[in-house]
Amino acid sequence: MVPAEVRDNAGLTEGTALVLLTTPGGLVLLTREQLLARVRGELEGLDLVAELLADRRLTAKQEDAA
């Protein structure tokens, strides 16, 4: 149970979905919106499609050489 003071400070209301993450530094409790913002921040600037294509090209090149 999340204490009332913490709920009030975080703007949590009854029924707010929370996500519990385990990290090397301990446990982190986030709302879905906070988790989404965190993931977007970590992925910002990454070109995952380009990385996937480069990896696939390398694998194909290695397979062709074998």
PDB file of N, CA and C in Angstrom:
ATOM      1  N   MET A   1       0.844  -1.173   0.000  1.00  0.00           N
ATOM      2  CA  MET A   1       0.000   0.000   0.000  1.00  0.00           C
ATOM      3  C   MET A   1       0.896   1.247   0.000  1.00  0.00           C
ATOM      4  N   VAL A   2       0.539   2.199  -0.824  1.00  0.00           N
ATOM      5  CA  VAL A   2       1.291   3.449  -0.917  1.00  0.00           C
ATOM      6  C   VAL A   2       0.694   4.430   0.096  1.00  0.00           C
ATOM      7  N   PRO A   3       1.526   4.995   0.972  1.00  0.00           N
ATOM      8  CA  PRO A   3       1.022   5.927   1.981  1.00  0.00           C
ATOM      9  C   PRO A   3       0.296   7.120   1.343  1.00  0.00           C
ATOM     10  N   ALA A   4      -0.711   7.650   2.033  1.00  0.00           N
ATOM     11  CA  ALA A   4      -1.534   8.751   1.528  1.00  0.00           C
ATOM     12  C   ALA A   4      -0.688   9.962   1.149  1.00  0.00           C
ATOM     13  N   GLU A   5       0.291  10.317   1.950  1.00  0.00           N
ATOM     14  CA  GLU A   5       1.131  11.483   1.665  1.00  0.00           C
ATOM     15  C   GLU A   5       1.883  11.316   0.346  1.00  0.00           C
ATOM     16  N   VAL A   6       2.389  10.113   0.119  1.00  0.00           N
ATOM     17  CA  VAL A   6       3.105   9.829  -1.123  1.00  0.00           C
ATOM     18  C   VAL A   6       2.144   9.884  -2.301  1.00  0.00           C
ATOM     19  N   ARG A   7       0.953   9.291  -2.146  1.00  0.00           N
ATOM     20  CA  ARG A   7      -0.054   9.334  -3.218  1.00  0.00           C
ATOM     21  C   ARG A   7      -0.422  10.768  -3.558  1.00  0.00           C
ATOM     22  N   ASP A   8      -0.639  11.580  -2.537  1.00  0.00           N
ATOM     23  CA  ASP A   8      -1.009  12.982  -2.759  1.00  0.00           C
ATOM     24  C   ASP A   8       0.107  13.744  -3.479  1.00  0.00           C
ATOM     25  N   ASN A   9       1.339  13.574  -3.031  1.00  0.00           N
ATOM     26  CA  ASN A   9       2.479  14.273  -3.640  1.00  0.00           C
ATOM     27  C   ASN A   9       2.701  13.847  -5.096  1.00  0.00           C
ATOM     28  N   ALA A  10       2.407  12.572  -5.396  1.00  0.00           N
ATOM     29  CA  ALA A  10       2.626  12.049  -6.744  1.00  0.00           C
ATOM     30  C   ALA A  10       1.399  12.223  -7.636  1.00  0.00           C
ATOM     31  N   GLY A  11       0.302  12.682  -7.058  1.00  0.00           N
ATOM     32  CA  GLY A  11      -0.922  12.848  -7.840  1.00  0.00           C
ATOM     33  C   GLY A  11      -1.588  11.529  -8.187  1.00  0.00           C
ATOM     34  N   LEU A  12      -1.364  10.516  -7.379  1.00  0.00           N
ATOM     35  CA  LEU A  12      -1.958   9.209  -7.628  1.00  0.00           C
ATOM     36  C   LEU A  12      -3.392   9.169  -7.105  1.00  0.00           C
ATOM     37  N   THR A  13      -4.253   8.552  -7.879  1.00  0.00           N
ATOM     38  CA  THR A  13      -5.636   8.370  -7.450  1.00  0.00           C
ATOM     39  C   THR A  13      -5.935   6.882  -7.413  1.00  0.00           C
ATOM     40  N   GLU A  14      -7.056   6.539  -6.829  1.00  0.00           N
ATOM     41  CA  GLU A  14      -7.438   5.137  -6.750  1.00  0.00           C
ATOM     42  C   GLU A  14      -7.535   4.561  -8.161  1.00  0.00           C
ATOM     43  N   GLY A  15      -6.915   3.420  -8.363  1.00  0.00           N
ATOM     44  CA  GLY A  15      -6.958   2.763  -9.652  1.00  0.00           C
ATOM     45  C   GLY A  15      -5.802   3.110 -10.576  1.00  0.00           C
ATOM     46  N   THR A  16      -4.928   4.044 -10.158  1.00  0.00           N
ATOM     47  CA  THR A  16      -3.758   4.373 -10.976  1.00  0.00           C
ATOM     48  C   THR A  16      -2.871   3.144 -11.086  1.00  0.00           C
ATOM     49  N   ALA A  17      -2.602   2.728 -12.322  1.00  0.00           N
ATOM     50  CA  ALA A  17      -1.739   1.562 -12.536  1.00  0.00           C
ATOM     51  C   ALA A  17      -0.292   1.956 -12.264  1.00  0.00           C
ATOM     52  N   LEU A  18       0.408   1.108 -11.528  1.00  0.00           N
ATOM     53  CA  LEU A  18       1.809   1.340 -11.211  1.00  0.00           C
ATOM     54  C   LEU A  18       2.645   0.168 -11.716  1.00  0.00           C
ATOM     55  N   VAL A  19       3.889   0.465 -12.069  1.00  0.00           N
ATOM     56  CA  VAL A  19       4.828  -0.546 -12.544  1.00  0.00           C
ATOM     57  C   VAL A  19       6.002  -0.563 -11.578  1.00  0.00           C
ATOM     58  N   LEU A  20       6.365  -1.743 -11.131  1.00  0.00           N
ATOM     59  CA  LEU A  20       7.490  -1.903 -10.223  1.00  0.00           C
ATOM     60  C   LEU A  20       8.668  -2.468 -10.996  1.00  0.00           C
ATOM     61  N   LEU A  21       9.771  -1.719 -11.031  1.00  0.00           N
ATOM     62  CA  LEU A  21      10.985  -2.151 -11.718  1.00  0.00           C
ATOM     63  C   LEU A  21      12.044  -2.512 -10.694  1.00  0.00           C
ATOM     64  N   THR A  22      12.807  -3.546 -11.003  1.00  0.00           N
ATOM     65  CA  THR A  22      13.974  -3.852 -10.182  1.00  0.00           C
ATOM     66  C   THR A  22      15.190  -3.337 -10.941  1.00  0.00           C
ATOM     67  N   THR A  23      16.022  -2.576 -10.275  1.00  0.00           N
ATOM     68  CA  THR A  23      17.226  -2.017 -10.855  1.00  0.00           C
ATOM     69  C   THR A  23      18.405  -2.363  -9.956  1.00  0.00           C
ATOM     70  N   PRO A  24      19.621  -2.198 -10.455  1.00  0.00           N
ATOM     71  CA  PRO A  24      20.781  -2.446  -9.590  1.00  0.00           C
ATOM     72  C   PRO A  24      20.770  -1.569  -8.338  1.00  0.00           C
ATOM     73  N   GLY A  25      20.131  -0.393  -8.436  1.00  0.00           N
ATOM     74  CA  GLY A  25      20.081   0.518  -7.298  1.00  0.00           C
ATOM     75  C   GLY A  25      18.915   0.277  -6.358  1.00  0.00           C
ATOM     76  N   GLY A  26      18.026  -0.635  -6.712  1.00  0.00           N
ATOM     77  CA  GLY A  26      16.873  -0.926  -5.865  1.00  0.00           C
ATOM     78  C   GLY A  26      15.599  -0.961  -6.683  1.00  0.00           C
ATOM     79  N   LEU A  27      14.490  -0.828  -5.993  1.00  0.00           N
ATOM     80  CA  LEU A  27      13.181  -0.877  -6.634  1.00  0.00           C
ATOM     81  C   LEU A  27      12.740   0.518  -7.056  1.00  0.00           C
ATOM     82  N   VAL A  28      12.052   0.589  -8.196  1.00  0.00           N
ATOM     83  CA  VAL A  28      11.527   1.860  -8.700  1.00  0.00           C
ATOM     84  C   VAL A  28      10.055   1.646  -8.997  1.00  0.00           C
ATOM     85  N   LEU A  29       9.219   2.514  -8.453  1.00  0.00           N
ATOM     86  CA  LEU A  29       7.775   2.449  -8.658  1.00  0.00           C
ATOM     87  C   LEU A  29       7.370   3.623  -9.541  1.00  0.00           C
ATOM     88  N   LEU A  30       6.778   3.319 -10.708  1.00  0.00           N
ATOM     89  CA  LEU A  30       6.425   4.341 -11.681  1.00  0.00           C
ATOM     90  C   LEU A  30       4.981   4.182 -12.135  1.00  0.00           C
ATOM     91  N   THR A  31       4.386   5.296 -12.564  1.00  0.00           N
ATOM     92  CA  THR A  31       3.115   5.191 -13.258  1.00  0.00           C
ATOM     93  C   THR A  31       3.423   4.748 -14.683  1.00  0.00           C
ATOM     94  N   ARG A  32       2.411   4.338 -15.418  1.00  0.00           N
ATOM     95  CA  ARG A  32       2.628   3.939 -16.813  1.00  0.00           C
ATOM     96  C   ARG A  32       3.172   5.113 -17.619  1.00  0.00           C
ATOM     97  N   GLU A  33       2.663   6.303 -17.350  1.00  0.00           N
ATOM     98  CA  GLU A  33       3.116   7.492 -18.065  1.00  0.00           C
ATOM     99  C   GLU A  33       4.588   7.775 -17.784  1.00  0.00           C
ATOM    100  N   GLN A  34       4.996   7.609 -16.536  1.00  0.00           N
ATOM    101  CA  GLN A  34       6.397   7.825 -16.173  1.00  0.00           C
ATOM    102  C   GLN A  34       7.291   6.783 -16.841  1.00  0.00           C
ATOM    103  N   LEU A  35       6.820   5.541 -16.898  1.00  0.00           N
ATOM    104  CA  LEU A  35       7.594   4.481 -17.547  1.00  0.00           C
ATOM    105  C   LEU A  35       7.731   4.767 -19.035  1.00  0.00           C
ATOM    106  N   LEU A  36       6.650   5.186 -19.677  1.00  0.00           N
ATOM    107  CA  LEU A  36       6.692   5.507 -21.093  1.00  0.00           C
ATOM    108  C   LEU A  36       7.683   6.636 -21.361  1.00  0.00           C
ATOM    109  N   ALA A  37       7.657   7.676 -20.538  1.00  0.00           N
ATOM    110  CA  ALA A  37       8.594   8.790 -20.694  1.00  0.00           C
ATOM    111  C   ALA A  37      10.034   8.318 -20.496  1.00  0.00           C
ATOM    112  N   ARG A  38      10.242   7.432 -19.548  1.00  0.00           N
ATOM    113  CA  ARG A  38      11.588   6.913 -19.285  1.00  0.00           C
ATOM    114  C   ARG A  38      12.108   6.108 -20.479  1.00  0.00           C
ATOM    115  N   VAL A  39      11.269   5.229 -21.021  1.00  0.00           N
ATOM    116  CA  VAL A  39      11.670   4.416 -22.174  1.00  0.00           C
ATOM    117  C   VAL A  39      11.934   5.301 -23.379  1.00  0.00           C
ATOM    118  N   ARG A  40      11.049   6.266 -23.631  1.00  0.00           N
ATOM    119  CA  ARG A  40      11.257   7.180 -24.757  1.00  0.00           C
ATOM    120  C   ARG A  40      12.576   7.939 -24.601  1.00  0.00           C
ATOM    121  N   GLY A  41      12.890   8.358 -23.394  1.00  0.00           N
ATOM    122  CA  GLY A  41      14.137   9.069 -23.145  1.00  0.00           C
ATOM    123  C   GLY A  41      15.356   8.202 -23.421  1.00  0.00           C
ATOM    124  N   GLU A  42      15.272   6.931 -23.043  1.00  0.00           N
ATOM    125  CA  GLU A  42      16.392   6.021 -23.256  1.00  0.00           C
ATOM    126  C   GLU A  42      16.564   5.672 -24.731  1.00  0.00           C
ATOM    127  N   LEU A  43      15.481   5.697 -25.493  1.00  0.00           N
ATOM    128  CA  LEU A  43      15.547   5.357 -26.914  1.00  0.00           C
ATOM    129  C   LEU A  43      15.782   6.567 -27.808  1.00  0.00           C
ATOM    130  N   GLU A  44      15.685   7.755 -27.237  1.00  0.00           N
ATOM    131  CA  GLU A  44      15.836   8.977 -28.025  1.00  0.00           C
ATOM    132  C   GLU A  44      17.197   9.005 -28.719  1.00  0.00           C
ATOM    133  N   GLY A  45      17.169   9.306 -29.998  1.00  0.00           N
ATOM    134  CA  GLY A  45      18.403   9.405 -30.759  1.00  0.00           C
ATOM    135  C   GLY A  45      18.886   8.092 -31.333  1.00  0.00           C
ATOM    136  N   LEU A  46      18.260   6.992 -30.952  1.00  0.00           N
ATOM    137  CA  LEU A  46      18.667   5.699 -31.498  1.00  0.00           C
ATOM    138  C   LEU A  46      17.911   5.426 -32.787  1.00  0.00           C
ATOM    139  N   ASP A  47      18.590   4.835 -33.741  1.00  0.00           N
ATOM    140  CA  ASP A  47      17.954   4.417 -34.991  1.00  0.00           C
ATOM    141  C   ASP A  47      17.945   2.895 -34.981  1.00  0.00           C
ATOM    142  N   LEU A  48      16.920   2.326 -34.359  1.00  0.00           N
ATOM    143  CA  LEU A  48      16.860   0.888 -34.172  1.00  0.00           C
ATOM    144  C   LEU A  48      16.733   0.143 -35.489  1.00  0.00           C
ATOM    145  N   VAL A  49      16.038   0.717 -36.453  1.00  0.00           N
ATOM    146  CA  VAL A  49      15.894   0.075 -37.763  1.00  0.00           C
ATOM    147  C   VAL A  49      17.257  -0.033 -38.440  1.00  0.00           C
ATOM    148  N   ALA A  50      18.022   1.049 -38.420  1.00  0.00           N
ATOM    149  CA  ALA A  50      19.350   1.027 -39.036  1.00  0.00           C
ATOM    150  C   ALA A  50      20.250   0.007 -38.350  1.00  0.00           C
ATOM    151  N   GLU A  51      20.173  -0.071 -37.028  1.00  0.00           N
ATOM    152  CA  GLU A  51      20.980  -1.042 -36.297  1.00  0.00           C
ATOM    153  C   GLU A  51      20.586  -2.469 -36.659  1.00  0.00           C
ATOM    154  N   LEU A  52      19.286  -2.711 -36.761  1.00  0.00           N
ATOM    155  CA  LEU A  52      18.805  -4.042 -37.125  1.00  0.00           C
ATOM    156  C   LEU A  52      19.251  -4.413 -38.532  1.00  0.00           C
ATOM    157  N   LEU A  53      19.126  -3.478 -39.479  1.00  0.00           N
ATOM    158  CA  LEU A  53      19.557  -3.735 -40.850  1.00  0.00           C
ATOM    159  C   LEU A  53      21.058  -3.994 -40.927  1.00  0.00           C
ATOM    160  N   ALA A  54      21.849  -3.218 -40.213  1.00  0.00           N
ATOM    161  CA  ALA A  54      23.301  -3.410 -40.214  1.00  0.00           C
ATOM    162  C   ALA A  54      23.654  -4.787 -39.648  1.00  0.00           C
ATOM    163  N   ASP A  55      22.972  -5.178 -38.590  1.00  0.00           N
ATOM    164  CA  ASP A  55      23.209  -6.481 -37.992  1.00  0.00           C
ATOM    165  C   ASP A  55      22.823  -7.596 -38.961  1.00  0.00           C
ATOM    166  N   ARG A  56      21.697  -7.435 -39.634  1.00  0.00           N
ATOM    167  CA  ARG A  56      21.249  -8.452 -40.598  1.00  0.00           C
ATOM    168  C   ARG A  56      22.209  -8.548 -41.777  1.00  0.00           C
ATOM    169  N   ARG A  57      22.694  -7.400 -42.253  1.00  0.00           N
ATOM    170  CA  ARG A  57      23.658  -7.408 -43.362  1.00  0.00           C
ATOM    171  C   ARG A  57      24.951  -8.132 -42.966  1.00  0.00           C
ATOM    172  N   LEU A  58      25.412  -7.861 -41.748  1.00  0.00           N
ATOM    173  CA  LEU A  58      26.624  -8.518 -41.261  1.00  0.00           C
ATOM    174  C   LEU A  58      26.415 -10.027 -41.176  1.00  0.00           C
ATOM    175  N   THR A  59      25.268 -10.444 -40.640  1.00  0.00           N
ATOM    176  CA  THR A  59      24.966 -11.877 -40.522  1.00  0.00           C
ATOM    177  C   THR A  59      24.907 -12.520 -41.906  1.00  0.00           C
ATOM    178  N   ALA A  60      24.253 -11.844 -42.861  1.00  0.00           N
ATOM    179  CA  ALA A  60      24.158 -12.392 -44.217  1.00  0.00           C
ATOM    180  C   ALA A  60      25.533 -12.505 -44.854  1.00  0.00           C
ATOM    181  N   LYS A  61      26.378 -11.507 -44.633  1.00  0.00           N
ATOM    182  CA  LYS A  61      27.744 -11.528 -45.177  1.00  0.00           C
ATOM    183  C   LYS A  61      28.532 -12.702 -44.594  1.00  0.00           C
ATOM    184  N   GLN A  62      28.377 -12.916 -43.297  1.00  0.00           N
ATOM    185  CA  GLN A  62      29.068 -14.028 -42.646  1.00  0.00           C
ATOM    186  C   GLN A  62      28.553 -15.377 -43.149  1.00  0.00           C
ATOM    187  N   GLU A  63      27.238 -15.463 -43.376  1.00  0.00           N
ATOM    188  CA  GLU A  63      26.663 -16.698 -43.885  1.00  0.00           C
ATOM    189  C   GLU A  63      27.132 -16.969 -45.325  1.00  0.00           C
ATOM    190  N   ASP A  64      27.242 -15.928 -46.134  1.00  0.00           N
ATOM    191  CA  ASP A  64      27.699 -16.078 -47.510  1.00  0.00           C
ATOM    192  C   ASP A  64      29.163 -16.505 -47.567  1.00  0.00           C
ATOM    193  N   ALA A  65      29.953 -16.058 -46.600  1.00  0.00           N
ATOM    194  CA  ALA A  65      31.386 -16.382 -46.571  1.00  0.00           C
ATOM    195  C   ALA A  65      31.623 -17.814 -46.097  1.00  0.00           C
ATOM    196  N   ALA A  66      30.642 -18.376 -45.423  1.00  0.00           N
ATOM    197  CA  ALA A  66      30.828 -19.741 -44.858  1.00  0.00           C
ATOM    198  C   ALA A  66      30.618 -20.829 -45.878  1.00  0.00           C
TER     199      ALA A  66
END
